[in-house]
Amino acid sequence: MRLAAATPGVATPVAEPEVRVRPAPRYKVFVHNDDVTPMLFVVHVLHGVFGLGARRAAEVMLEAHTSGVAFVIALPLEQAEFRVDQAHAQARAARYPLTFTYEPE
């Protein structure tokens, strides 16, 4: 709150507008199983690109391997797009079809 001088020497409180900050919508990132990409490569990408710990990365990889798809992480849209693009670039550079997708939370 700031004070405004209505009369000289007397301060009068002035209400400031309330600022509301909404968090950015989040997107769920998923990794999909394939029959070509090595499991250790998937763990490497989950750890390096998405920042999962080694144990969590292995758990996510195994879930995708057994179920066909697994939840990786929820991120704001720009981060989800960026990290999925990074993961795909690493996989394509290594000639693997590893696939990640994202959808609104």
PDB file of N, CA and C in Angstrom:
ATOM      1  N   MET A   1       0.849  -1.165   0.000  1.00  0.00           N
ATOM      2  CA  MET A   1       0.000   0.000   0.000  1.00  0.00           C
ATOM      3  C   MET A   1       0.897   1.231   0.000  1.00  0.00           C
ATOM      4  N   ARG A   2       0.524   2.194  -0.772  1.00  0.00           N
ATOM      5  CA  ARG A   2       1.287   3.436  -0.773  1.00  0.00           C
ATOM      6  C   ARG A   2       0.411   4.537  -0.194  1.00  0.00           C
ATOM      7  N   LEU A   3       1.020   5.616   0.160  1.00  0.00           N
ATOM      8  CA  LEU A   3       0.283   6.725   0.759  1.00  0.00           C
ATOM      9  C   LEU A   3       0.288   7.917  -0.180  1.00  0.00           C
ATOM     10  N   ALA A   4      -0.844   8.585  -0.265  1.00  0.00           N
ATOM     11  CA  ALA A   4      -0.959   9.793  -1.096  1.00  0.00           C
ATOM     12  C   ALA A   4      -1.296  10.965  -0.180  1.00  0.00           C
ATOM     13  N   ALA A   5      -0.798  12.106  -0.512  1.00  0.00           N
ATOM     14  CA  ALA A   5      -1.045  13.296   0.306  1.00  0.00           C
ATOM     15  C   ALA A   5      -2.273  14.017  -0.231  1.00  0.00           C
ATOM     16  N   ALA A   6      -3.422  13.887   0.493  1.00  0.00           N
ATOM     17  CA  ALA A   6      -4.651  14.567   0.092  1.00  0.00           C
ATOM     18  C   ALA A   6      -4.576  16.034   0.511  1.00  0.00           C
ATOM     19  N   THR A   7      -4.077  16.245   1.674  1.00  0.00           N
ATOM     20  CA  THR A   7      -3.865  17.615   2.141  1.00  0.00           C
ATOM     21  C   THR A   7      -2.403  17.693   2.578  1.00  0.00           C
ATOM     22  N   PRO A   8      -1.807  18.810   2.399  1.00  0.00           N
ATOM     23  CA  PRO A   8      -0.385  18.917   2.740  1.00  0.00           C
ATOM     24  C   PRO A   8      -0.127  18.455   4.175  1.00  0.00           C
ATOM     25  N   GLY A   9       0.834  17.557   4.309  1.00  0.00           N
ATOM     26  CA  GLY A   9       1.252  17.079   5.617  1.00  0.00           C
ATOM     27  C   GLY A   9       0.432  15.921   6.154  1.00  0.00           C
ATOM     28  N   VAL A  10      -0.660  15.510   5.466  1.00  0.00           N
ATOM     29  CA  VAL A  10      -1.494  14.399   5.940  1.00  0.00           C
ATOM     30  C   VAL A  10      -1.466  13.302   4.883  1.00  0.00           C
ATOM     31  N   ALA A  11      -1.077  12.103   5.291  1.00  0.00           N
ATOM     32  CA  ALA A  11      -1.009  10.971   4.360  1.00  0.00           C
ATOM     33  C   ALA A  11      -2.323  10.207   4.365  1.00  0.00           C
ATOM     34  N   THR A  12      -2.820   9.886   3.169  1.00  0.00           N
ATOM     35  CA  THR A  12      -4.052   9.122   3.010  1.00  0.00           C
ATOM     36  C   THR A  12      -3.720   7.817   2.287  1.00  0.00           C
ATOM     37  N   PRO A  13      -4.144   6.642   2.815  1.00  0.00           N
ATOM     38  CA  PRO A  13      -3.832   5.382   2.150  1.00  0.00           C
ATOM     39  C   PRO A  13      -4.539   5.273   0.798  1.00  0.00           C
ATOM     40  N   VAL A  14      -3.823   4.711  -0.174  1.00  0.00           N
ATOM     41  CA  VAL A  14      -4.374   4.486  -1.506  1.00  0.00           C
ATOM     42  C   VAL A  14      -4.254   2.992  -1.794  1.00  0.00           C
ATOM     43  N   ALA A  15      -5.383   2.371  -2.131  1.00  0.00           N
ATOM     44  CA  ALA A  15      -5.366   0.937  -2.434  1.00  0.00           C
ATOM     45  C   ALA A  15      -4.742   0.716  -3.803  1.00  0.00           C
ATOM     46  N   GLU A  16      -3.802  -0.233  -3.866  1.00  0.00           N
ATOM     47  CA  GLU A  16      -3.179  -0.581  -5.145  1.00  0.00           C
ATOM     48  C   GLU A  16      -3.926  -1.765  -5.742  1.00  0.00           C
ATOM     49  N   PRO A  17      -3.967  -1.841  -7.073  1.00  0.00           N
ATOM     50  CA  PRO A  17      -4.688  -2.955  -7.692  1.00  0.00           C
ATOM     51  C   PRO A  17      -4.040  -4.288  -7.321  1.00  0.00           C
ATOM     52  N   GLU A  18      -4.889  -5.294  -7.124  1.00  0.00           N
ATOM     53  CA  GLU A  18      -4.402  -6.626  -6.779  1.00  0.00           C
ATOM     54  C   GLU A  18      -3.920  -7.325  -8.051  1.00  0.00           C
ATOM     55  N   VAL A  19      -2.720  -7.838  -7.992  1.00  0.00           N
ATOM     56  CA  VAL A  19      -2.153  -8.534  -9.140  1.00  0.00           C
ATOM     57  C   VAL A  19      -2.237 -10.030  -8.872  1.00  0.00           C
ATOM     58  N   ARG A  20      -2.897 -10.760  -9.765  1.00  0.00           N
ATOM     59  CA  ARG A  20      -3.003 -12.202  -9.614  1.00  0.00           C
ATOM     60  C   ARG A  20      -2.146 -12.868 -10.679  1.00  0.00           C
ATOM     61  N   VAL A  21      -1.323 -13.764 -10.233  1.00  0.00           N
ATOM     62  CA  VAL A  21      -0.451 -14.492 -11.147  1.00  0.00           C
ATOM     63  C   VAL A  21      -0.955 -15.928 -11.222  1.00  0.00           C
ATOM     64  N   ARG A  22      -1.276 -16.363 -12.429  1.00  0.00           N
ATOM     65  CA  ARG A  22      -1.710 -17.747 -12.618  1.00  0.00           C
ATOM     66  C   ARG A  22      -0.544 -18.555 -13.158  1.00  0.00           C
ATOM     67  N   PRO A  23      -0.358 -19.753 -12.615  1.00  0.00           N
ATOM     68  CA  PRO A  23       0.718 -20.592 -13.154  1.00  0.00           C
ATOM     69  C   PRO A  23       0.399 -21.011 -14.586  1.00  0.00           C
ATOM     70  N   ALA A  24       1.437 -21.215 -15.372  1.00  0.00           N
ATOM     71  CA  ALA A  24       1.251 -21.650 -16.757  1.00  0.00           C
ATOM     72  C   ALA A  24       0.617 -23.033 -16.765  1.00  0.00           C
ATOM     73  N   PRO A  25      -0.271 -23.301 -17.724  1.00  0.00           N
ATOM     74  CA  PRO A  25      -0.847 -24.646 -17.826  1.00  0.00           C
ATOM     75  C   PRO A  25       0.277 -25.669 -18.009  1.00  0.00           C
ATOM     76  N   ARG A  26       0.094 -26.832 -17.422  1.00  0.00           N
ATOM     77  CA  ARG A  26       1.126 -27.858 -17.498  1.00  0.00           C
ATOM     78  C   ARG A  26       0.719 -28.938 -18.488  1.00  0.00           C
ATOM     79  N   TYR A  27       1.738 -29.590 -19.026  1.00  0.00           N
ATOM     80  CA  TYR A  27       1.532 -30.665 -20.001  1.00  0.00           C
ATOM     81  C   TYR A  27       2.252 -31.915 -19.523  1.00  0.00           C
ATOM     82  N   LYS A  28       1.550 -33.050 -19.627  1.00  0.00           N
ATOM     83  CA  LYS A  28       2.126 -34.332 -19.234  1.00  0.00           C
ATOM     84  C   LYS A  28       2.934 -34.875 -20.405  1.00  0.00           C
ATOM     85  N   VAL A  29       4.161 -35.286 -20.122  1.00  0.00           N
ATOM     86  CA  VAL A  29       5.042 -35.874 -21.143  1.00  0.00           C
ATOM     87  C   VAL A  29       5.031 -37.391 -20.951  1.00  0.00           C
ATOM     88  N   PHE A  30       4.938 -38.120 -22.059  1.00  0.00           N
ATOM     89  CA  PHE A  30       4.920 -39.579 -22.037  1.00  0.00           C
ATOM     90  C   PHE A  30       6.019 -40.128 -22.937  1.00  0.00           C
ATOM     91  N   VAL A  31       6.578 -41.267 -22.541  1.00  0.00           N
ATOM     92  CA  VAL A  31       7.537 -41.992 -23.370  1.00  0.00           C
ATOM     93  C   VAL A  31       6.818 -43.251 -23.865  1.00  0.00           C
ATOM     94  N   HIS A  32       7.045 -43.581 -25.124  1.00  0.00           N
ATOM     95  CA  HIS A  32       6.399 -44.736 -25.745  1.00  0.00           C
ATOM     96  C   HIS A  32       7.424 -45.834 -26.002  1.00  0.00           C
ATOM     97  N   ASN A  33       6.993 -47.063 -25.796  1.00  0.00           N
ATOM     98  CA  ASN A  33       7.864 -48.203 -26.032  1.00  0.00           C
ATOM     99  C   ASN A  33       8.023 -48.448 -27.530  1.00  0.00           C
ATOM    100  N   ASP A  34       9.189 -48.960 -27.902  1.00  0.00           N
ATOM    101  CA  ASP A  34       9.403 -49.447 -29.262  1.00  0.00           C
ATOM    102  C   ASP A  34      10.307 -50.670 -29.157  1.00  0.00           C
ATOM    103  N   ASP A  35      10.430 -51.414 -30.223  1.00  0.00           N
ATOM    104  CA  ASP A  35      11.209 -52.652 -30.195  1.00  0.00           C
ATOM    105  C   ASP A  35      12.660 -52.460 -30.618  1.00  0.00           C
ATOM    106  N   VAL A  36      13.094 -51.224 -30.806  1.00  0.00           N
ATOM    107  CA  VAL A  36      14.432 -50.967 -31.335  1.00  0.00           C
ATOM    108  C   VAL A  36      15.338 -50.247 -30.344  1.00  0.00           C
ATOM    109  N   THR A  37      14.838 -49.210 -29.702  1.00  0.00           N
ATOM    110  CA  THR A  37      15.675 -48.379 -28.824  1.00  0.00           C
ATOM    111  C   THR A  37      16.137 -49.166 -27.601  1.00  0.00           C
ATOM    112  N   PRO A  38      17.446 -49.213 -27.340  1.00  0.00           N
ATOM    113  CA  PRO A  38      17.951 -49.926 -26.157  1.00  0.00           C
ATOM    114  C   PRO A  38      17.459 -49.284 -24.858  1.00  0.00           C
ATOM    115  N   MET A  39      17.200 -50.116 -23.884  1.00  0.00           N
ATOM    116  CA  MET A  39      16.697 -49.647 -22.590  1.00  0.00           C
ATOM    117  C   MET A  39      17.652 -48.646 -21.945  1.00  0.00           C
ATOM    118  N   LEU A  40      18.942 -48.903 -22.027  1.00  0.00           N
ATOM    119  CA  LEU A  40      19.905 -47.986 -21.412  1.00  0.00           C
ATOM    120  C   LEU A  40      19.900 -46.621 -22.085  1.00  0.00           C
ATOM    121  N   PHE A  41      19.630 -46.585 -23.388  1.00  0.00           N
ATOM    122  CA  PHE A  41      19.543 -45.300 -24.083  1.00  0.00           C
ATOM    123  C   PHE A  41      18.328 -44.521 -23.586  1.00  0.00           C
ATOM    124  N   VAL A  42      17.206 -45.210 -23.395  1.00  0.00           N
ATOM    125  CA  VAL A  42      15.994 -44.558 -22.884  1.00  0.00           C
ATOM    126  C   VAL A  42      16.267 -43.979 -21.503  1.00  0.00           C
ATOM    127  N   VAL A  43      16.906 -44.746 -20.634  1.00  0.00           N
ATOM    128  CA  VAL A  43      17.247 -44.261 -19.288  1.00  0.00           C
ATOM    129  C   VAL A  43      18.154 -43.042 -19.387  1.00  0.00           C
ATOM    130  N   HIS A  44      19.123 -43.088 -20.288  1.00  0.00           N
ATOM    131  CA  HIS A  44      20.045 -41.964 -20.490  1.00  0.00           C
ATOM    132  C   HIS A  44      19.278 -40.690 -20.883  1.00  0.00           C
ATOM    133  N   VAL A  45      18.330 -40.806 -21.789  1.00  0.00           N
ATOM    134  CA  VAL A  45      17.545 -39.645 -22.236  1.00  0.00           C
ATOM    135  C   VAL A  45      16.644 -39.145 -21.107  1.00  0.00           C
ATOM    136  N   LEU A  46      15.983 -40.055 -20.414  1.00  0.00           N
ATOM    137  CA  LEU A  46      15.114 -39.647 -19.310  1.00  0.00           C
ATOM    138  C   LEU A  46      15.902 -38.912 -18.226  1.00  0.00           C
ATOM    139  N   HIS A  47      17.107 -39.368 -17.978  1.00  0.00           N
ATOM    140  CA  HIS A  47      17.955 -38.740 -16.970  1.00  0.00           C
ATOM    141  C   HIS A  47      18.534 -37.412 -17.478  1.00  0.00           C
ATOM    142  N   GLY A  48      19.100 -37.430 -18.673  1.00  0.00           N
ATOM    143  CA  GLY A  48      19.794 -36.254 -19.191  1.00  0.00           C
ATOM    144  C   GLY A  48      18.893 -35.134 -19.673  1.00  0.00           C
ATOM    145  N   VAL A  49      17.807 -35.475 -20.339  1.00  0.00           N
ATOM    146  CA  VAL A  49      16.928 -34.450 -20.923  1.00  0.00           C
ATOM    147  C   VAL A  49      15.831 -34.031 -19.949  1.00  0.00           C
ATOM    148  N   PHE A  50      15.242 -35.015 -19.259  1.00  0.00           N
ATOM    149  CA  PHE A  50      14.099 -34.706 -18.400  1.00  0.00           C
ATOM    150  C   PHE A  50      14.472 -34.572 -16.924  1.00  0.00           C
ATOM    151  N   GLY A  51      15.741 -34.826 -16.592  1.00  0.00           N
ATOM    152  CA  GLY A  51      16.224 -34.615 -15.232  1.00  0.00           C
ATOM    153  C   GLY A  51      15.745 -35.626 -14.214  1.00  0.00           C
ATOM    154  N   LEU A  52      15.303 -36.805 -14.655  1.00  0.00           N
ATOM    155  CA  LEU A  52      14.895 -37.825 -13.694  1.00  0.00           C
ATOM    156  C   LEU A  52      16.138 -38.443 -13.064  1.00  0.00           C
ATOM    157  N   GLY A  53      16.025 -38.812 -11.812  1.00  0.00           N
ATOM    158  CA  GLY A  53      17.119 -39.527 -11.161  1.00  0.00           C
ATOM    159  C   GLY A  53      17.296 -40.889 -11.826  1.00  0.00           C
ATOM    160  N   ALA A  54      18.436 -41.499 -11.637  1.00  0.00           N
ATOM    161  CA  ALA A  54      18.734 -42.775 -12.301  1.00  0.00           C
ATOM    162  C   ALA A  54      17.688 -43.842 -11.974  1.00  0.00           C
ATOM    163  N   ARG A  55      17.315 -43.954 -10.712  1.00  0.00           N
ATOM    164  CA  ARG A  55      16.321 -44.968 -10.316  1.00  0.00           C
ATOM    165  C   ARG A  55      14.964 -44.681 -10.944  1.00  0.00           C
ATOM    166  N   ARG A  56      14.521 -43.425 -10.876  1.00  0.00           N
ATOM    167  CA  ARG A  56      13.210 -43.064 -11.447  1.00  0.00           C
ATOM    168  C   ARG A  56      13.222 -43.261 -12.964  1.00  0.00           C
ATOM    169  N   ALA A  57      14.317 -42.900 -13.621  1.00  0.00           N
ATOM    170  CA  ALA A  57      14.425 -43.080 -15.071  1.00  0.00           C
ATOM    171  C   ALA A  57      14.286 -44.557 -15.433  1.00  0.00           C
ATOM    172  N   ALA A  58      14.909 -45.436 -14.662  1.00  0.00           N
ATOM    173  CA  ALA A  58      14.804 -46.872 -14.914  1.00  0.00           C
ATOM    174  C   ALA A  58      13.376 -47.367 -14.692  1.00  0.00           C
ATOM    175  N   GLU A  59      12.714 -46.858 -13.656  1.00  0.00           N
ATOM    176  CA  GLU A  59      11.324 -47.237 -13.386  1.00  0.00           C
ATOM    177  C   GLU A  59      10.402 -46.823 -14.532  1.00  0.00           C
ATOM    178  N   VAL A  60      10.565 -45.600 -15.014  1.00  0.00           N
ATOM    179  CA  VAL A  60       9.739 -45.097 -16.115  1.00  0.00           C
ATOM    180  C   VAL A  60       9.998 -45.909 -17.374  1.00  0.00           C
ATOM    181  N   MET A  61      11.263 -46.200 -17.660  1.00  0.00           N
ATOM    182  CA  MET A  61      11.602 -46.999 -18.842  1.00  0.00           C
ATOM    183  C   MET A  61      10.942 -48.371 -18.759  1.00  0.00           C
ATOM    184  N   LEU A  62      11.008 -49.021 -17.594  1.00  0.00           N
ATOM    185  CA  LEU A  62      10.408 -50.350 -17.442  1.00  0.00           C
ATOM    186  C   LEU A  62       8.891 -50.306 -17.568  1.00  0.00           C
ATOM    187  N   GLU A  63       8.272 -49.256 -17.044  1.00  0.00           N
ATOM    188  CA  GLU A  63       6.817 -49.117 -17.190  1.00  0.00           C
ATOM    189  C   GLU A  63       6.439 -48.980 -18.662  1.00  0.00           C
ATOM    190  N   ALA A  64       7.187 -48.180 -19.405  1.00  0.00           N
ATOM    191  CA  ALA A  64       6.918 -48.040 -20.845  1.00  0.00           C
ATOM    192  C   ALA A  64       7.143 -49.374 -21.551  1.00  0.00           C
ATOM    193  N   HIS A  65       8.172 -50.085 -21.151  1.00  0.00           N
ATOM    194  CA  HIS A  65       8.505 -51.372 -21.775  1.00  0.00           C
ATOM    195  C   HIS A  65       7.385 -52.396 -21.568  1.00  0.00           C
ATOM    196  N   THR A  66       6.810 -52.417 -20.366  1.00  0.00           N
ATOM    197  CA  THR A  66       5.774 -53.412 -20.064  1.00  0.00           C
ATOM    198  C   THR A  66       4.371 -52.953 -20.442  1.00  0.00           C
ATOM    199  N   SER A  67       4.107 -51.649 -20.358  1.00  0.00           N
ATOM    200  CA  SER A  67       2.757 -51.132 -20.611  1.00  0.00           C
ATOM    201  C   SER A  67       2.589 -50.489 -21.983  1.00  0.00           C
ATOM    202  N   GLY A  68       3.692 -50.174 -22.633  1.00  0.00           N
ATOM    203  CA  GLY A  68       3.620 -49.522 -23.939  1.00  0.00           C
ATOM    204  C   GLY A  68       3.807 -48.019 -23.880  1.00  0.00           C
ATOM    205  N   VAL A  69       3.474 -47.421 -22.742  1.00  0.00           N
ATOM    206  CA  VAL A  69       3.634 -45.971 -22.565  1.00  0.00           C
ATOM    207  C   VAL A  69       3.770 -45.694 -21.076  1.00  0.00           C
ATOM    208  N   ALA A  70       4.499 -44.618 -20.725  1.00  0.00           N
ATOM    209  CA  ALA A  70       4.669 -44.258 -19.315  1.00  0.00           C
ATOM    210  C   ALA A  70       4.751 -42.748 -19.173  1.00  0.00           C
ATOM    211  N   PHE A  71       4.178 -42.247 -18.091  1.00  0.00           N
ATOM    212  CA  PHE A  71       4.260 -40.826 -17.739  1.00  0.00           C
ATOM    213  C   PHE A  71       5.688 -40.497 -17.320  1.00  0.00           C
ATOM    214  N   VAL A  72       6.215 -39.385 -17.823  1.00  0.00           N
ATOM    215  CA  VAL A  72       7.577 -38.967 -17.503  1.00  0.00           C
ATOM    216  C   VAL A  72       7.572 -37.815 -16.502  1.00  0.00           C
ATOM    217  N   ILE A  73       6.915 -36.696 -16.885  1.00  0.00           N
ATOM    218  CA  ILE A  73       6.971 -35.475 -16.079  1.00  0.00           C
ATOM    219  C   ILE A  73       5.903 -34.513 -16.593  1.00  0.00           C
ATOM    220  N   ALA A  74       5.458 -33.585 -15.754  1.00  0.00           N
ATOM    221  CA  ALA A  74       4.537 -32.529 -16.171  1.00  0.00           C
ATOM    222  C   ALA A  74       5.298 -31.210 -16.173  1.00  0.00           C
ATOM    223  N   LEU A  75       5.170 -30.471 -17.282  1.00  0.00           N
ATOM    224  CA  LEU A  75       5.921 -29.228 -17.469  1.00  0.00           C
ATOM    225  C   LEU A  75       5.046 -28.179 -18.147  1.00  0.00           C
ATOM    226  N   PRO A  76       5.420 -26.892 -18.046  1.00  0.00           N
ATOM    227  CA  PRO A  76       4.755 -25.875 -18.864  1.00  0.00           C
ATOM    228  C   PRO A  76       4.962 -26.224 -20.347  1.00  0.00           C
ATOM    229  N   LEU A  77       4.061 -25.773 -21.195  1.00  0.00           N
ATOM    230  CA  LEU A  77       4.071 -26.151 -22.612  1.00  0.00           C
ATOM    231  C   LEU A  77       5.419 -25.929 -23.284  1.00  0.00           C
ATOM    232  N   GLU A  78       6.008 -24.757 -23.124  1.00  0.00           N
ATOM    233  CA  GLU A  78       7.281 -24.475 -23.806  1.00  0.00           C
ATOM    234  C   GLU A  78       8.382 -25.434 -23.363  1.00  0.00           C
ATOM    235  N   GLN A  79       8.415 -25.759 -22.078  1.00  0.00           N
ATOM    236  CA  GLN A  79       9.416 -26.698 -21.577  1.00  0.00           C
ATOM    237  C   GLN A  79       9.155 -28.108 -22.103  1.00  0.00           C
ATOM    238  N   ALA A  80       7.887 -28.512 -22.131  1.00  0.00           N
ATOM    239  CA  ALA A  80       7.540 -29.836 -22.655  1.00  0.00           C
ATOM    240  C   ALA A  80       7.955 -29.951 -24.115  1.00  0.00           C
ATOM    241  N   GLU A  81       7.621 -28.943 -24.906  1.00  0.00           N
ATOM    242  CA  GLU A  81       7.992 -28.955 -26.330  1.00  0.00           C
ATOM    243  C   GLU A  81       9.507 -29.010 -26.496  1.00  0.00           C
ATOM    244  N   PHE A  82      10.201 -28.175 -25.754  1.00  0.00           N
ATOM    245  CA  PHE A  82      11.653 -28.092 -25.869  1.00  0.00           C
ATOM    246  C   PHE A  82      12.325 -29.413 -25.516  1.00  0.00           C
ATOM    247  N   ARG A  83      11.919 -30.003 -24.390  1.00  0.00           N
ATOM    248  CA  ARG A  83      12.565 -31.239 -23.953  1.00  0.00           C
ATOM    249  C   ARG A  83      12.216 -32.420 -24.849  1.00  0.00           C
ATOM    250  N   VAL A  84      10.975 -32.473 -25.323  1.00  0.00           N
ATOM    251  CA  VAL A  84      10.603 -33.535 -26.263  1.00  0.00           C
ATOM    252  C   VAL A  84      11.423 -33.397 -27.545  1.00  0.00           C
ATOM    253  N   ASP A  85      11.584 -32.174 -28.026  1.00  0.00           N
ATOM    254  CA  ASP A  85      12.414 -31.949 -29.224  1.00  0.00           C
ATOM    255  C   ASP A  85      13.859 -32.377 -28.978  1.00  0.00           C
ATOM    256  N   GLN A  86      14.398 -32.053 -27.799  1.00  0.00           N
ATOM    257  CA  GLN A  86      15.769 -32.464 -27.465  1.00  0.00           C
ATOM    258  C   GLN A  86      15.888 -33.988 -27.442  1.00  0.00           C
ATOM    259  N   ALA A  87      14.923 -34.637 -26.811  1.00  0.00           N
ATOM    260  CA  ALA A  87      14.955 -36.102 -26.712  1.00  0.00           C
ATOM    261  C   ALA A  87      14.874 -36.739 -28.095  1.00  0.00           C
ATOM    262  N   HIS A  88      13.977 -36.215 -28.938  1.00  0.00           N
ATOM    263  CA  HIS A  88      13.856 -36.748 -30.298  1.00  0.00           C
ATOM    264  C   HIS A  88      15.135 -36.512 -31.090  1.00  0.00           C
ATOM    265  N   ALA A  89      15.766 -35.359 -30.923  1.00  0.00           N
ATOM    266  CA  ALA A  89      17.014 -35.065 -31.638  1.00  0.00           C
ATOM    267  C   ALA A  89      18.106 -36.054 -31.234  1.00  0.00           C
ATOM    268  N   GLN A  90      18.222 -36.324 -29.933  1.00  0.00           N
ATOM    269  CA  GLN A  90      19.226 -37.291 -29.483  1.00  0.00           C
ATOM    270  C   GLN A  90      18.934 -38.682 -30.038  1.00  0.00           C
ATOM    271  N   ALA A  91      17.671 -39.072 -30.012  1.00  0.00           N
ATOM    272  CA  ALA A  91      17.301 -40.396 -30.511  1.00  0.00           C
ATOM    273  C   ALA A  91      17.545 -40.508 -32.012  1.00  0.00           C
ATOM    274  N   ARG A  92      17.186 -39.483 -32.765  1.00  0.00           N
ATOM    275  CA  ARG A  92      17.372 -39.535 -34.222  1.00  0.00           C
ATOM    276  C   ARG A  92      18.853 -39.526 -34.582  1.00  0.00           C
ATOM    277  N   ALA A  93      19.647 -38.779 -33.820  1.00  0.00           N
ATOM    278  CA  ALA A  93      21.087 -38.751 -34.062  1.00  0.00           C
ATOM    279  C   ALA A  93      21.695 -40.143 -33.850  1.00  0.00           C
ATOM    280  N   ALA A  94      21.114 -40.903 -32.926  1.00  0.00           N
ATOM    281  CA  ALA A  94      21.589 -42.261 -32.654  1.00  0.00           C
ATOM    282  C   ALA A  94      20.838 -43.290 -33.517  1.00  0.00           C
ATOM    283  N   ARG A  95      19.947 -42.802 -34.370  1.00  0.00           N
ATOM    284  CA  ARG A  95      19.148 -43.629 -35.287  1.00  0.00           C
ATOM    285  C   ARG A  95      18.187 -44.569 -34.558  1.00  0.00           C
ATOM    286  N   TYR A  96      17.555 -44.042 -33.497  1.00  0.00           N
ATOM    287  CA  TYR A  96      16.534 -44.792 -32.767  1.00  0.00           C
ATOM    288  C   TYR A  96      15.188 -44.110 -32.944  1.00  0.00           C
ATOM    289  N   PRO A  97      14.096 -44.901 -32.957  1.00  0.00           N
ATOM    290  CA  PRO A  97      12.752 -44.320 -33.131  1.00  0.00           C
ATOM    291  C   PRO A  97      12.085 -43.913 -31.819  1.00  0.00           C
ATOM    292  N   LEU A  98      12.845 -43.711 -30.767  1.00  0.00           N
ATOM    293  CA  LEU A  98      12.289 -43.352 -29.470  1.00  0.00           C
ATOM    294  C   LEU A  98      11.316 -42.192 -29.617  1.00  0.00           C
ATOM    295  N   THR A  99      10.122 -42.345 -29.022  1.00  0.00           N
ATOM    296  CA  THR A  99       9.064 -41.341 -29.184  1.00  0.00           C
ATOM    297  C   THR A  99       8.549 -40.855 -27.837  1.00  0.00           C
ATOM    298  N   PHE A 100       8.403 -39.536 -27.755  1.00  0.00           N
ATOM    299  CA  PHE A 100       7.782 -38.878 -26.609  1.00  0.00           C
ATOM    300  C   PHE A 100       6.611 -38.064 -27.134  1.00  0.00           C
ATOM    301  N   THR A 101       5.560 -37.977 -26.332  1.00  0.00           N
ATOM    302  CA  THR A 101       4.409 -37.128 -26.665  1.00  0.00           C
ATOM    303  C   THR A 101       4.059 -36.313 -25.429  1.00  0.00           C
ATOM    304  N   TYR A 102       3.207 -35.295 -25.600  1.00  0.00           N
ATOM    305  CA  TYR A 102       2.729 -34.520 -24.463  1.00  0.00           C
ATOM    306  C   TYR A 102       1.288 -34.120 -24.716  1.00  0.00           C
ATOM    307  N   GLU A 103       0.567 -33.920 -23.613  1.00  0.00           N
ATOM    308  CA  GLU A 103      -0.845 -33.530 -23.675  1.00  0.00           C
ATOM    309  C   GLU A 103      -1.164 -32.670 -22.468  1.00  0.00           C
ATOM    310  N   PRO A 104      -2.224 -31.855 -22.549  1.00  0.00           N
ATOM    311  CA  PRO A 104      -2.575 -31.001 -21.402  1.00  0.00           C
ATOM    312  C   PRO A 104      -2.866 -31.839 -20.161  1.00  0.00           C
ATOM    313  N   GLU A 105      -2.487 -31.297 -19.018  1.00  0.00           N
ATOM    314  CA  GLU A 105      -2.705 -31.995 -17.740  1.00  0.00           C
ATOM    315  C   GLU A 105      -4.165 -31.929 -17.361  1.00  0.00           C
TER     316      GLU A 105
END
